[in-house]
Amino acid sequence: MARMHNPPHPGEVLHEFVLEEMTIERAATRLGVSRSKLSRILHARSDISADMAIRIGLLTRTTPESWLSMQTQWSLWQALQRPRPPVKPLPKGVGPISLADFEFDDTSQRDNERM
């Protein structure tokens, strides 16, 4: 995924949907959240959670993944703009690590087979 330069907060995108179709209060009611919570999202003062992404997806007939992707892109871009302390990388030969490097005990699958 290519990084955007200063991507929009998903609330800004949602703002366009809401203002075209209905008032903020009506949208908040349809989403099952308070007007103030929706207002914080629309004005980029609050992030979109997974639960909110599902609700927004249902409201706008879009996917929750698209809203979470917008949030991730915006959050990452914002984080990259701030100074960070130096991080010492792992020694050569140690990384990268993937989930395939670990063994998982899938007891839930075994339990299902017993039933």
PDB file of N, CA and C in Angstrom:
ATOM      1  N   MET A   1       0.848  -1.174   0.000  1.00  0.00           N
ATOM      2  CA  MET A   1       0.000   0.000   0.000  1.00  0.00           C
ATOM      3  C   MET A   1       0.895   1.239   0.000  1.00  0.00           C
ATOM      4  N   ALA A   2       0.681   2.093  -0.980  1.00  0.00           N
ATOM      5  CA  ALA A   2       1.452   3.323  -1.069  1.00  0.00           C
ATOM      6  C   ALA A   2       0.914   4.331  -0.060  1.00  0.00           C
ATOM      7  N   ARG A   3       1.826   5.017   0.594  1.00  0.00           N
ATOM      8  CA  ARG A   3       1.415   6.022   1.576  1.00  0.00           C
ATOM      9  C   ARG A   3       1.027   7.318   0.892  1.00  0.00           C
ATOM     10  N   MET A   4      -0.056   7.883   1.355  1.00  0.00           N
ATOM     11  CA  MET A   4      -0.498   9.172   0.832  1.00  0.00           C
ATOM     12  C   MET A   4       0.256  10.282   1.546  1.00  0.00           C
ATOM     13  N   HIS A   5       0.339  11.412   0.891  1.00  0.00           N
ATOM     14  CA  HIS A   5       0.871  12.596   1.551  1.00  0.00           C
ATOM     15  C   HIS A   5      -0.284  13.268   2.269  1.00  0.00           C
ATOM     16  N   ASN A   6      -0.211  13.342   3.570  1.00  0.00           N
ATOM     17  CA  ASN A   6      -1.225  13.952   4.422  1.00  0.00           C
ATOM     18  C   ASN A   6      -2.638  13.478   4.061  1.00  0.00           C
ATOM     19  N   PRO A   7      -2.904  12.187   4.280  1.00  0.00           N
ATOM     20  CA  PRO A   7      -4.227  11.659   3.941  1.00  0.00           C
ATOM     21  C   PRO A   7      -5.315  12.284   4.806  1.00  0.00           C
ATOM     22  N   PRO A   8      -6.544  12.317   4.323  1.00  0.00           N
ATOM     23  CA  PRO A   8      -7.620  12.901   5.119  1.00  0.00           C
ATOM     24  C   PRO A   8      -7.991  11.982   6.283  1.00  0.00           C
ATOM     25  N   HIS A   9      -8.415  12.585   7.368  1.00  0.00           N
ATOM     26  CA  HIS A   9      -8.967  11.807   8.478  1.00  0.00           C
ATOM     27  C   HIS A   9     -10.286  11.214   7.970  1.00  0.00           C
ATOM     28  N   PRO A  10     -10.587   9.972   8.341  1.00  0.00           N
ATOM     29  CA  PRO A  10     -11.841   9.382   7.857  1.00  0.00           C
ATOM     30  C   PRO A  10     -13.072  10.185   8.267  1.00  0.00           C
ATOM     31  N   GLY A  11     -12.986  10.922   9.348  1.00  0.00           N
ATOM     32  CA  GLY A  11     -14.100  11.775   9.756  1.00  0.00           C
ATOM     33  C   GLY A  11     -14.386  12.859   8.737  1.00  0.00           C
ATOM     34  N   GLU A  12     -13.330  13.360   8.080  1.00  0.00           N
ATOM     35  CA  GLU A  12     -13.531  14.376   7.049  1.00  0.00           C
ATOM     36  C   GLU A  12     -14.291  13.792   5.861  1.00  0.00           C
ATOM     37  N   VAL A  13     -13.969  12.544   5.511  1.00  0.00           N
ATOM     38  CA  VAL A  13     -14.657  11.866   4.418  1.00  0.00           C
ATOM     39  C   VAL A  13     -16.105  11.608   4.814  1.00  0.00           C
ATOM     40  N   LEU A  14     -16.309  11.137   6.036  1.00  0.00           N
ATOM     41  CA  LEU A  14     -17.655  10.883   6.537  1.00  0.00           C
ATOM     42  C   LEU A  14     -18.476  12.170   6.581  1.00  0.00           C
ATOM     43  N   HIS A  15     -17.813  13.260   6.902  1.00  0.00           N
ATOM     44  CA  HIS A  15     -18.481  14.568   6.970  1.00  0.00           C
ATOM     45  C   HIS A  15     -19.176  14.884   5.648  1.00  0.00           C
ATOM     46  N   GLU A  16     -18.512  14.562   4.528  1.00  0.00           N
ATOM     47  CA  GLU A  16     -19.103  14.796   3.217  1.00  0.00           C
ATOM     48  C   GLU A  16     -20.368  13.956   3.034  1.00  0.00           C
ATOM     49  N   PHE A  17     -20.323  12.677   3.459  1.00  0.00           N
ATOM     50  CA  PHE A  17     -21.502  11.804   3.386  1.00  0.00           C
ATOM     51  C   PHE A  17     -22.647  12.388   4.213  1.00  0.00           C
ATOM     52  N   VAL A  18     -22.348  12.749   5.449  1.00  0.00           N
ATOM     53  CA  VAL A  18     -23.372  13.187   6.391  1.00  0.00           C
ATOM     54  C   VAL A  18     -24.002  14.490   5.942  1.00  0.00           C
ATOM     55  N   LEU A  19     -23.204  15.461   5.570  1.00  0.00           N
ATOM     56  CA  LEU A  19     -23.751  16.761   5.197  1.00  0.00           C
ATOM     57  C   LEU A  19     -24.548  16.705   3.898  1.00  0.00           C
ATOM     58  N   GLU A  20     -24.217  15.753   3.013  1.00  0.00           N
ATOM     59  CA  GLU A  20     -24.979  15.608   1.782  1.00  0.00           C
ATOM     60  C   GLU A  20     -26.365  15.038   2.057  1.00  0.00           C
ATOM     61  N   GLU A  21     -26.449  14.122   3.013  1.00  0.00           N
ATOM     62  CA  GLU A  21     -27.663  13.345   3.203  1.00  0.00           C
ATOM     63  C   GLU A  21     -28.516  13.742   4.407  1.00  0.00           C
ATOM     64  N   MET A  22     -27.885  14.152   5.498  1.00  0.00           N
ATOM     65  CA  MET A  22     -28.647  14.369   6.732  1.00  0.00           C
ATOM     66  C   MET A  22     -27.871  15.234   7.709  1.00  0.00           C
ATOM     67  N   THR A  23     -28.534  15.613   8.795  1.00  0.00           N
ATOM     68  CA  THR A  23     -27.875  16.390   9.834  1.00  0.00           C
ATOM     69  C   THR A  23     -26.970  15.477  10.660  1.00  0.00           C
ATOM     70  N   ILE A  24     -26.054  16.078  11.392  1.00  0.00           N
ATOM     71  CA  ILE A  24     -25.167  15.314  12.267  1.00  0.00           C
ATOM     72  C   ILE A  24     -25.984  14.581  13.327  1.00  0.00           C
ATOM     73  N   GLU A  25     -26.995  15.250  13.860  1.00  0.00           N
ATOM     74  CA  GLU A  25     -27.834  14.624  14.894  1.00  0.00           C
ATOM     75  C   GLU A  25     -28.554  13.392  14.352  1.00  0.00           C
ATOM     76  N   ARG A  26     -29.085  13.492  13.159  1.00  0.00           N
ATOM     77  CA  ARG A  26     -29.779  12.349  12.564  1.00  0.00           C
ATOM     78  C   ARG A  26     -28.811  11.209  12.276  1.00  0.00           C
ATOM     79  N   ALA A  27     -27.614  11.535  11.773  1.00  0.00           N
ATOM     80  CA  ALA A  27     -26.610  10.502  11.503  1.00  0.00           C
ATOM     81  C   ALA A  27     -26.183   9.813  12.802  1.00  0.00           C
ATOM     82  N   ALA A  28     -26.003  10.599  13.849  1.00  0.00           N
ATOM     83  CA  ALA A  28     -25.615  10.035  15.151  1.00  0.00           C
ATOM     84  C   ALA A  28     -26.686   9.074  15.659  1.00  0.00           C
ATOM     85  N   THR A  29     -27.937   9.460  15.513  1.00  0.00           N
ATOM     86  CA  THR A  29     -29.045   8.602  15.936  1.00  0.00           C
ATOM     87  C   THR A  29     -29.043   7.303  15.138  1.00  0.00           C
ATOM     88  N   ARG A  30     -28.848   7.397  13.839  1.00  0.00           N
ATOM     89  CA  ARG A  30     -28.828   6.190  12.998  1.00  0.00           C
ATOM     90  C   ARG A  30     -27.640   5.294  13.325  1.00  0.00           C
ATOM     91  N   LEU A  31     -26.521   5.909  13.736  1.00  0.00           N
ATOM     92  CA  LEU A  31     -25.332   5.131  14.116  1.00  0.00           C
ATOM     93  C   LEU A  31     -25.431   4.578  15.535  1.00  0.00           C
ATOM     94  N   GLY A  32     -26.345   5.120  16.328  1.00  0.00           N
ATOM     95  CA  GLY A  32     -26.483   4.672  17.714  1.00  0.00           C
ATOM     96  C   GLY A  32     -25.413   5.242  18.628  1.00  0.00           C
ATOM     97  N   VAL A  33     -24.953   6.463  18.317  1.00  0.00           N
ATOM     98  CA  VAL A  33     -23.940   7.135  19.137  1.00  0.00           C
ATOM     99  C   VAL A  33     -24.434   8.539  19.469  1.00  0.00           C
ATOM    100  N   SER A  34     -23.762   9.174  20.408  1.00  0.00           N
ATOM    101  CA  SER A  34     -24.150  10.546  20.758  1.00  0.00           C
ATOM    102  C   SER A  34     -23.708  11.512  19.653  1.00  0.00           C
ATOM    103  N   ARG A  35     -24.383  12.640  19.614  1.00  0.00           N
ATOM    104  CA  ARG A  35     -24.028  13.676  18.645  1.00  0.00           C
ATOM    105  C   ARG A  35     -22.598  14.158  18.878  1.00  0.00           C
ATOM    106  N   SER A  36     -22.211  14.281  20.150  1.00  0.00           N
ATOM    107  CA  SER A  36     -20.865  14.773  20.458  1.00  0.00           C
ATOM    108  C   SER A  36     -19.792  13.777  20.011  1.00  0.00           C
ATOM    109  N   LYS A  37     -20.067  12.474  20.156  1.00  0.00           N
ATOM    110  CA  LYS A  37     -19.091  11.471  19.710  1.00  0.00           C
ATOM    111  C   LYS A  37     -18.907  11.556  18.199  1.00  0.00           C
ATOM    112  N   LEU A  38     -20.015  11.649  17.471  1.00  0.00           N
ATOM    113  CA  LEU A  38     -19.911  11.757  16.022  1.00  0.00           C
ATOM    114  C   LEU A  38     -19.232  13.061  15.619  1.00  0.00           C
ATOM    115  N   SER A  39     -19.533  14.136  16.319  1.00  0.00           N
ATOM    116  CA  SER A  39     -18.920  15.425  16.020  1.00  0.00           C
ATOM    117  C   SER A  39     -17.401  15.361  16.197  1.00  0.00           C
ATOM    118  N   ARG A  40     -16.936  14.685  17.250  1.00  0.00           N
ATOM    119  CA  ARG A  40     -15.483  14.542  17.468  1.00  0.00           C
ATOM    120  C   ARG A  40     -14.826  13.796  16.307  1.00  0.00           C
ATOM    121  N   ILE A  41     -15.513  12.776  15.785  1.00  0.00           N
ATOM    122  CA  ILE A  41     -14.965  12.034  14.642  1.00  0.00           C
ATOM    123  C   ILE A  41     -14.972  12.917  13.399  1.00  0.00           C
ATOM    124  N   LEU A  42     -16.081  13.596  13.148  1.00  0.00           N
ATOM    125  CA  LEU A  42     -16.199  14.426  11.950  1.00  0.00           C
ATOM    126  C   LEU A  42     -15.192  15.566  11.913  1.00  0.00           C
ATOM    127  N   HIS A  43     -14.764  16.016  13.089  1.00  0.00           N
ATOM    128  CA  HIS A  43     -13.794  17.117  13.163  1.00  0.00           C
ATOM    129  C   HIS A  43     -12.381  16.633  13.476  1.00  0.00           C
ATOM    130  N   ALA A  44     -12.140  15.332  13.245  1.00  0.00           N
ATOM    131  CA  ALA A  44     -10.807  14.718  13.376  1.00  0.00           C
ATOM    132  C   ALA A  44     -10.221  14.854  14.780  1.00  0.00           C
ATOM    133  N   ARG A  45     -11.087  14.889  15.786  1.00  0.00           N
ATOM    134  CA  ARG A  45     -10.607  14.941  17.167  1.00  0.00           C
ATOM    135  C   ARG A  45     -10.698  13.579  17.848  1.00  0.00           C
ATOM    136  N   SER A  46     -11.241  12.594  17.131  1.00  0.00           N
ATOM    137  CA  SER A  46     -11.369  11.249  17.669  1.00  0.00           C
ATOM    138  C   SER A  46     -11.163  10.250  16.541  1.00  0.00           C
ATOM    139  N   ASP A  47     -10.512   9.131  16.866  1.00  0.00           N
ATOM    140  CA  ASP A  47     -10.271   8.078  15.877  1.00  0.00           C
ATOM    141  C   ASP A  47     -11.514   7.220  15.685  1.00  0.00           C
ATOM    142  N   ILE A  48     -11.543   6.513  14.562  1.00  0.00           N
ATOM    143  CA  ILE A  48     -12.623   5.573  14.278  1.00  0.00           C
ATOM    144  C   ILE A  48     -12.192   4.202  14.785  1.00  0.00           C
ATOM    145  N   SER A  49     -12.991   3.623  15.666  1.00  0.00           N
ATOM    146  CA  SER A  49     -12.718   2.277  16.204  1.00  0.00           C
ATOM    147  C   SER A  49     -13.263   1.234  15.226  1.00  0.00           C
ATOM    148  N   ALA A  50     -12.939  -0.023  15.470  1.00  0.00           N
ATOM    149  CA  ALA A  50     -13.471  -1.102  14.639  1.00  0.00           C
ATOM    150  C   ALA A  50     -14.994  -1.123  14.715  1.00  0.00           C
ATOM    151  N   ASP A  51     -15.539  -0.957  15.909  1.00  0.00           N
ATOM    152  CA  ASP A  51     -16.987  -0.950  16.068  1.00  0.00           C
ATOM    153  C   ASP A  51     -17.618   0.197  15.282  1.00  0.00           C
ATOM    154  N   MET A  52     -17.019   1.368  15.366  1.00  0.00           N
ATOM    155  CA  MET A  52     -17.550   2.516  14.633  1.00  0.00           C
ATOM    156  C   MET A  52     -17.412   2.309  13.126  1.00  0.00           C
ATOM    157  N   ALA A  53     -16.321   1.674  12.694  1.00  0.00           N
ATOM    158  CA  ALA A  53     -16.134   1.397  11.267  1.00  0.00           C
ATOM    159  C   ALA A  53     -17.247   0.493  10.742  1.00  0.00           C
ATOM    160  N   ILE A  54     -17.656  -0.475  11.549  1.00  0.00           N
ATOM    161  CA  ILE A  54     -18.762  -1.351  11.158  1.00  0.00           C
ATOM    162  C   ILE A  54     -20.038  -0.531  11.022  1.00  0.00           C
ATOM    163  N   ARG A  55     -20.322   0.309  12.018  1.00  0.00           N
ATOM    164  CA  ARG A  55     -21.535   1.131  11.985  1.00  0.00           C
ATOM    165  C   ARG A  55     -21.538   2.070  10.778  1.00  0.00           C
ATOM    166  N   ILE A  56     -20.400   2.717  10.531  1.00  0.00           N
ATOM    167  CA  ILE A  56     -20.310   3.651   9.406  1.00  0.00           C
ATOM    168  C   ILE A  56     -20.464   2.902   8.084  1.00  0.00           C
ATOM    169  N   GLY A  57     -19.861   1.725   8.014  1.00  0.00           N
ATOM    170  CA  GLY A  57     -20.009   0.906   6.806  1.00  0.00           C
ATOM    171  C   GLY A  57     -21.459   0.566   6.521  1.00  0.00           C
ATOM    172  N   LEU A  58     -22.192   0.207   7.571  1.00  0.00           N
ATOM    173  CA  LEU A  58     -23.619  -0.095   7.399  1.00  0.00           C
ATOM    174  C   LEU A  58     -24.397   1.151   6.980  1.00  0.00           C
ATOM    175  N   LEU A  59     -24.081   2.285   7.577  1.00  0.00           N
ATOM    176  CA  LEU A  59     -24.770   3.537   7.256  1.00  0.00           C
ATOM    177  C   LEU A  59     -24.523   3.963   5.814  1.00  0.00           C
ATOM    178  N   THR A  60     -23.274   3.859   5.373  1.00  0.00           N
ATOM    179  CA  THR A  60     -22.885   4.389   4.062  1.00  0.00           C
ATOM    180  C   THR A  60     -22.845   3.331   2.962  1.00  0.00           C
ATOM    181  N   ARG A  61     -23.149   2.085   3.326  1.00  0.00           N
ATOM    182  CA  ARG A  61     -23.090   0.968   2.371  1.00  0.00           C
ATOM    183  C   ARG A  61     -21.692   0.803   1.789  1.00  0.00           C
ATOM    184  N   THR A  62     -20.704   0.946   2.679  1.00  0.00           N
ATOM    185  CA  THR A  62     -19.300   0.739   2.324  1.00  0.00           C
ATOM    186  C   THR A  62     -18.742  -0.324   3.269  1.00  0.00           C
ATOM    187  N   THR A  63     -17.476  -0.655   3.118  1.00  0.00           N
ATOM    188  CA  THR A  63     -16.901  -1.692   3.972  1.00  0.00           C
ATOM    189  C   THR A  63     -16.260  -1.080   5.218  1.00  0.00           C
ATOM    190  N   PRO A  64     -16.344  -1.789   6.342  1.00  0.00           N
ATOM    191  CA  PRO A  64     -15.654  -1.315   7.540  1.00  0.00           C
ATOM    192  C   PRO A  64     -14.141  -1.266   7.318  1.00  0.00           C
ATOM    193  N   GLU A  65     -13.643  -2.173   6.490  1.00  0.00           N
ATOM    194  CA  GLU A  65     -12.205  -2.195   6.208  1.00  0.00           C
ATOM    195  C   GLU A  65     -11.743  -0.895   5.560  1.00  0.00           C
ATOM    196  N   SER A  66     -12.581  -0.328   4.709  1.00  0.00           N
ATOM    197  CA  SER A  66     -12.177   0.927   4.052  1.00  0.00           C
ATOM    198  C   SER A  66     -12.034   2.053   5.074  1.00  0.00           C
ATOM    199  N   TRP A  67     -12.911   2.092   6.073  1.00  0.00           N
ATOM    200  CA  TRP A  67     -12.846   3.138   7.105  1.00  0.00           C
ATOM    201  C   TRP A  67     -11.649   2.913   8.020  1.00  0.00           C
ATOM    202  N   LEU A  68     -11.382   1.645   8.360  1.00  0.00           N
ATOM    203  CA  LEU A  68     -10.211   1.363   9.204  1.00  0.00           C
ATOM    204  C   LEU A  68      -8.919   1.625   8.448  1.00  0.00           C
ATOM    205  N   SER A  69      -8.908   1.353   7.153  1.00  0.00           N
ATOM    206  CA  SER A  69      -7.723   1.635   6.348  1.00  0.00           C
ATOM    207  C   SER A  69      -7.443   3.138   6.307  1.00  0.00           C
ATOM    208  N   MET A  70      -8.506   3.934   6.119  1.00  0.00           N
ATOM    209  CA  MET A  70      -8.330   5.396   6.139  1.00  0.00           C
ATOM    210  C   MET A  70      -7.774   5.851   7.484  1.00  0.00           C
ATOM    211  N   GLN A  71      -8.315   5.270   8.580  1.00  0.00           N
ATOM    212  CA  GLN A  71      -7.856   5.651   9.917  1.00  0.00           C
ATOM    213  C   GLN A  71      -6.393   5.288  10.101  1.00  0.00           C
ATOM    214  N   THR A  72      -6.013   4.095   9.654  1.00  0.00           N
ATOM    215  CA  THR A  72      -4.623   3.646   9.788  1.00  0.00           C
ATOM    216  C   THR A  72      -3.677   4.538   8.995  1.00  0.00           C
ATOM    217  N   GLN A  73      -4.051   4.857   7.764  1.00  0.00           N
ATOM    218  CA  GLN A  73      -3.205   5.727   6.935  1.00  0.00           C
ATOM    219  C   GLN A  73      -3.034   7.094   7.589  1.00  0.00           C
ATOM    220  N   TRP A  74      -4.143   7.653   8.087  1.00  0.00           N
ATOM    221  CA  TRP A  74      -4.076   8.971   8.719  1.00  0.00           C
ATOM    222  C   TRP A  74      -3.231   8.915   9.995  1.00  0.00           C
ATOM    223  N   SER A  75      -3.473   7.911  10.831  1.00  0.00           N
ATOM    224  CA  SER A  75      -2.746   7.789  12.100  1.00  0.00           C
ATOM    225  C   SER A  75      -1.254   7.585  11.872  1.00  0.00           C
ATOM    226  N   LEU A  76      -0.909   6.753  10.894  1.00  0.00           N
ATOM    227  CA  LEU A  76       0.506   6.518  10.597  1.00  0.00           C
ATOM    228  C   LEU A  76       1.169   7.786  10.081  1.00  0.00           C
ATOM    229  N   TRP A  77       0.504   8.492   9.194  1.00  0.00           N
ATOM    230  CA  TRP A  77       1.082   9.730   8.666  1.00  0.00           C
ATOM    231  C   TRP A  77       1.308  10.735   9.791  1.00  0.00           C
ATOM    232  N   GLN A  78       0.323  10.857  10.689  1.00  0.00           N
ATOM    233  CA  GLN A  78       0.456  11.773  11.817  1.00  0.00           C
ATOM    234  C   GLN A  78       1.636  11.373  12.706  1.00  0.00           C
ATOM    235  N   ALA A  79       1.764  10.083  12.981  1.00  0.00           N
ATOM    236  CA  ALA A  79       2.855   9.599  13.838  1.00  0.00           C
ATOM    237  C   ALA A  79       4.216   9.854  13.198  1.00  0.00           C
ATOM    238  N   LEU A  80       4.292   9.696  11.882  1.00  0.00           N
ATOM    239  CA  LEU A  80       5.564   9.921  11.189  1.00  0.00           C
ATOM    240  C   LEU A  80       5.981  11.382  11.185  1.00  0.00           C
ATOM    241  N   GLN A  81       5.070  12.283  11.449  1.00  0.00           N
ATOM    242  CA  GLN A  81       5.393  13.711  11.476  1.00  0.00           C
ATOM    243  C   GLN A  81       6.001  14.140  12.806  1.00  0.00           C
ATOM    244  N   ARG A  82       5.838  13.318  13.839  1.00  0.00           N
ATOM    245  CA  ARG A  82       6.343  13.667  15.173  1.00  0.00           C
ATOM    246  C   ARG A  82       7.756  13.099  15.381  1.00  0.00           C
ATOM    247  N   PRO A  83       8.574  13.802  16.149  1.00  0.00           N
ATOM    248  CA  PRO A  83       9.904  13.261  16.452  1.00  0.00           C
ATOM    249  C   PRO A  83       9.786  12.015  17.332  1.00  0.00           C
ATOM    250  N   ARG A  84      10.678  11.082  17.104  1.00  0.00           N
ATOM    251  CA  ARG A  84      10.713   9.850  17.884  1.00  0.00           C
ATOM    252  C   ARG A  84      12.106   9.649  18.448  1.00  0.00           C
ATOM    253  N   PRO A  85      12.197   8.957  19.572  1.00  0.00           N
ATOM    254  CA  PRO A  85      13.529   8.643  20.085  1.00  0.00           C
ATOM    255  C   PRO A  85      14.198   7.622  19.162  1.00  0.00           C
ATOM    256  N   PRO A  86      15.525   7.603  19.151  1.00  0.00           N
ATOM    257  CA  PRO A  86      16.209   6.629  18.296  1.00  0.00           C
ATOM    258  C   PRO A  86      15.897   5.199  18.763  1.00  0.00           C
ATOM    259  N   VAL A  87      15.741   4.311  17.797  1.00  0.00           N
ATOM    260  CA  VAL A  87      15.467   2.906  18.082  1.00  0.00           C
ATOM    261  C   VAL A  87      16.619   2.092  17.518  1.00  0.00           C
ATOM    262  N   LYS A  88      17.209   1.264  18.357  1.00  0.00           N
ATOM    263  CA  LYS A  88      18.324   0.434  17.920  1.00  0.00           C
ATOM    264  C   LYS A  88      17.763  -0.843  17.290  1.00  0.00           C
ATOM    265  N   PRO A  89      18.061  -1.090  15.997  1.00  0.00           N
ATOM    266  CA  PRO A  89      17.526  -2.287  15.334  1.00  0.00           C
ATOM    267  C   PRO A  89      18.106  -3.574  15.930  1.00  0.00           C
ATOM    268  N   LEU A  90      17.387  -4.666  15.726  1.00  0.00           N
ATOM    269  CA  LEU A  90      17.885  -5.970  16.142  1.00  0.00           C
ATOM    270  C   LEU A  90      19.148  -6.295  15.359  1.00  0.00           C
ATOM    271  N   PRO A  91      20.048  -7.118  15.917  1.00  0.00           N
ATOM    272  CA  PRO A  91      21.258  -7.498  15.171  1.00  0.00           C
ATOM    273  C   PRO A  91      20.890  -8.253  13.895  1.00  0.00           C
ATOM    274  N   LYS A  92      21.774  -8.182  12.901  1.00  0.00           N
ATOM    275  CA  LYS A  92      21.540  -8.897  11.642  1.00  0.00           C
ATOM    276  C   LYS A  92      21.350 -10.383  11.931  1.00  0.00           C
ATOM    277  N   GLY A  93      20.460 -10.989  11.179  1.00  0.00           N
ATOM    278  CA  GLY A  93      20.199 -12.415  11.346  1.00  0.00           C
ATOM    279  C   GLY A  93      19.107 -12.711  12.364  1.00  0.00           C
ATOM    280  N   VAL A  94      18.617 -11.697  13.069  1.00  0.00           N
ATOM    281  CA  VAL A  94      17.588 -11.921  14.079  1.00  0.00           C
ATOM    282  C   VAL A  94      16.192 -11.722  13.493  1.00  0.00           C
ATOM    283  N   GLY A  95      16.017 -10.814  12.594  1.00  0.00           N
ATOM    284  CA  GLY A  95      14.682 -10.526  12.071  1.00  0.00           C
ATOM    285  C   GLY A  95      14.643 -10.701  10.589  1.00  0.00           C
ATOM    286  N   PRO A  96      13.592 -10.488   9.917  1.00  0.00           N
ATOM    287  CA  PRO A  96      12.276 -10.197  10.476  1.00  0.00           C
ATOM    288  C   PRO A  96      11.620 -11.464  11.016  1.00  0.00           C
ATOM    289  N   ILE A  97      10.638 -11.272  11.846  1.00  0.00           N
ATOM    290  CA  ILE A  97       9.932 -12.380  12.467  1.00  0.00           C
ATOM    291  C   ILE A  97       8.536 -12.452  11.852  1.00  0.00           C
ATOM    292  N   SER A  98       8.075 -13.672  11.583  1.00  0.00           N
ATOM    293  CA  SER A  98       6.709 -13.830  11.076  1.00  0.00           C
ATOM    294  C   SER A  98       5.962 -14.819  11.958  1.00  0.00           C
ATOM    295  N   LEU A  99       4.659 -14.865  11.825  1.00  0.00           N
ATOM    296  CA  LEU A  99       3.853 -15.801  12.611  1.00  0.00           C
ATOM    297  C   LEU A  99       4.209 -17.242  12.293  1.00  0.00           C
ATOM    298  N   ALA A 100       4.727 -17.505  11.086  1.00  0.00           N
ATOM    299  CA  ALA A 100       5.117 -18.868  10.711  1.00  0.00           C
ATOM    300  C   ALA A 100       6.270 -19.379  11.581  1.00  0.00           C
ATOM    301  N   ASP A 101       6.994 -18.476  12.238  1.00  0.00           N
ATOM    302  CA  ASP A 101       8.111 -18.867  13.101  1.00  0.00           C
ATOM    303  C   ASP A 101       7.637 -19.433  14.439  1.00  0.00           C
ATOM    304  N   PHE A 102       6.354 -19.343  14.731  1.00  0.00           N
ATOM    305  CA  PHE A 102       5.826 -19.770  16.021  1.00  0.00           C
ATOM    306  C   PHE A 102       4.931 -20.982  15.852  1.00  0.00           C
ATOM    307  N   GLU A 103       4.892 -21.821  16.880  1.00  0.00           N
ATOM    308  CA  GLU A 103       3.969 -22.951  16.893  1.00  0.00           C
ATOM    309  C   GLU A 103       2.783 -22.559  17.756  1.00  0.00           C
ATOM    310  N   PHE A 104       1.599 -22.827  17.247  1.00  0.00           N
ATOM    311  CA  PHE A 104       0.385 -22.513  17.986  1.00  0.00           C
ATOM    312  C   PHE A 104      -0.330 -23.804  18.335  1.00  0.00           C
ATOM    313  N   ASP A 105      -0.837 -23.878  19.549  1.00  0.00           N
ATOM    314  CA  ASP A 105      -1.615 -25.030  19.982  1.00  0.00           C
ATOM    315  C   ASP A 105      -3.070 -24.729  19.679  1.00  0.00           C
ATOM    316  N   ASP A 106      -3.596 -25.330  18.654  1.00  0.00           N
ATOM    317  CA  ASP A 106      -4.971 -25.052  18.249  1.00  0.00           C
ATOM    318  C   ASP A 106      -5.919 -26.012  18.952  1.00  0.00           C
ATOM    319  N   THR A 107      -6.113 -25.785  20.249  1.00  0.00           N
ATOM    320  CA  THR A 107      -6.985 -26.658  21.032  1.00  0.00           C
ATOM    321  C   THR A 107      -8.430 -26.503  20.618  1.00  0.00           C
ATOM    322  N   SER A 108      -8.810 -25.339  20.113  1.00  0.00           N
ATOM    323  CA  SER A 108     -10.203 -25.144  19.713  1.00  0.00           C
ATOM    324  C   SER A 108     -10.555 -26.056  18.544  1.00  0.00           C
ATOM    325  N   GLN A 109      -9.616 -26.264  17.617  1.00  0.00           N
ATOM    326  CA  GLN A 109      -9.877 -27.152  16.487  1.00  0.00           C
ATOM    327  C   GLN A 109      -9.999 -28.589  16.978  1.00  0.00           C
ATOM    328  N   ARG A 110      -9.100 -28.996  17.881  1.00  0.00           N
ATOM    329  CA  ARG A 110      -9.157 -30.348  18.449  1.00  0.00           C
ATOM    330  C   ARG A 110     -10.466 -30.577  19.210  1.00  0.00           C
ATOM    331  N   ASP A 111     -10.899 -29.589  19.967  1.00  0.00           N
ATOM    332  CA  ASP A 111     -12.138 -29.695  20.731  1.00  0.00           C
ATOM    333  C   ASP A 111     -13.334 -29.864  19.797  1.00  0.00           C
ATOM    334  N   ASN A 112     -13.315 -29.130  18.681  1.00  0.00           N
ATOM    335  CA  ASN A 112     -14.401 -29.250  17.706  1.00  0.00           C
ATOM    336  C   ASN A 112     -14.442 -30.610  17.056  1.00  0.00           C
ATOM    337  N   GLU A 113     -13.256 -31.224  16.829  1.00  0.00           N
ATOM    338  CA  GLU A 113     -13.202 -32.544  16.210  1.00  0.00           C
ATOM    339  C   GLU A 113     -13.757 -33.621  17.141  1.00  0.00           C
ATOM    340  N   ARG A 114     -13.638 -33.420  18.447  1.00  0.00           N
ATOM    341  CA  ARG A 114     -14.121 -34.392  19.421  1.00  0.00           C
ATOM    342  C   ARG A 114     -15.638 -34.417  19.490  1.00  0.00           C
ATOM    343  N   MET A 115     -16.268 -33.306  19.141  1.00  0.00           N
ATOM    344  CA  MET A 115     -17.736 -33.205  19.269  1.00  0.00           C
ATOM    345  C   MET A 115     -18.455 -33.928  18.161  1.00  0.00           C
TER     346      MET A 115
END
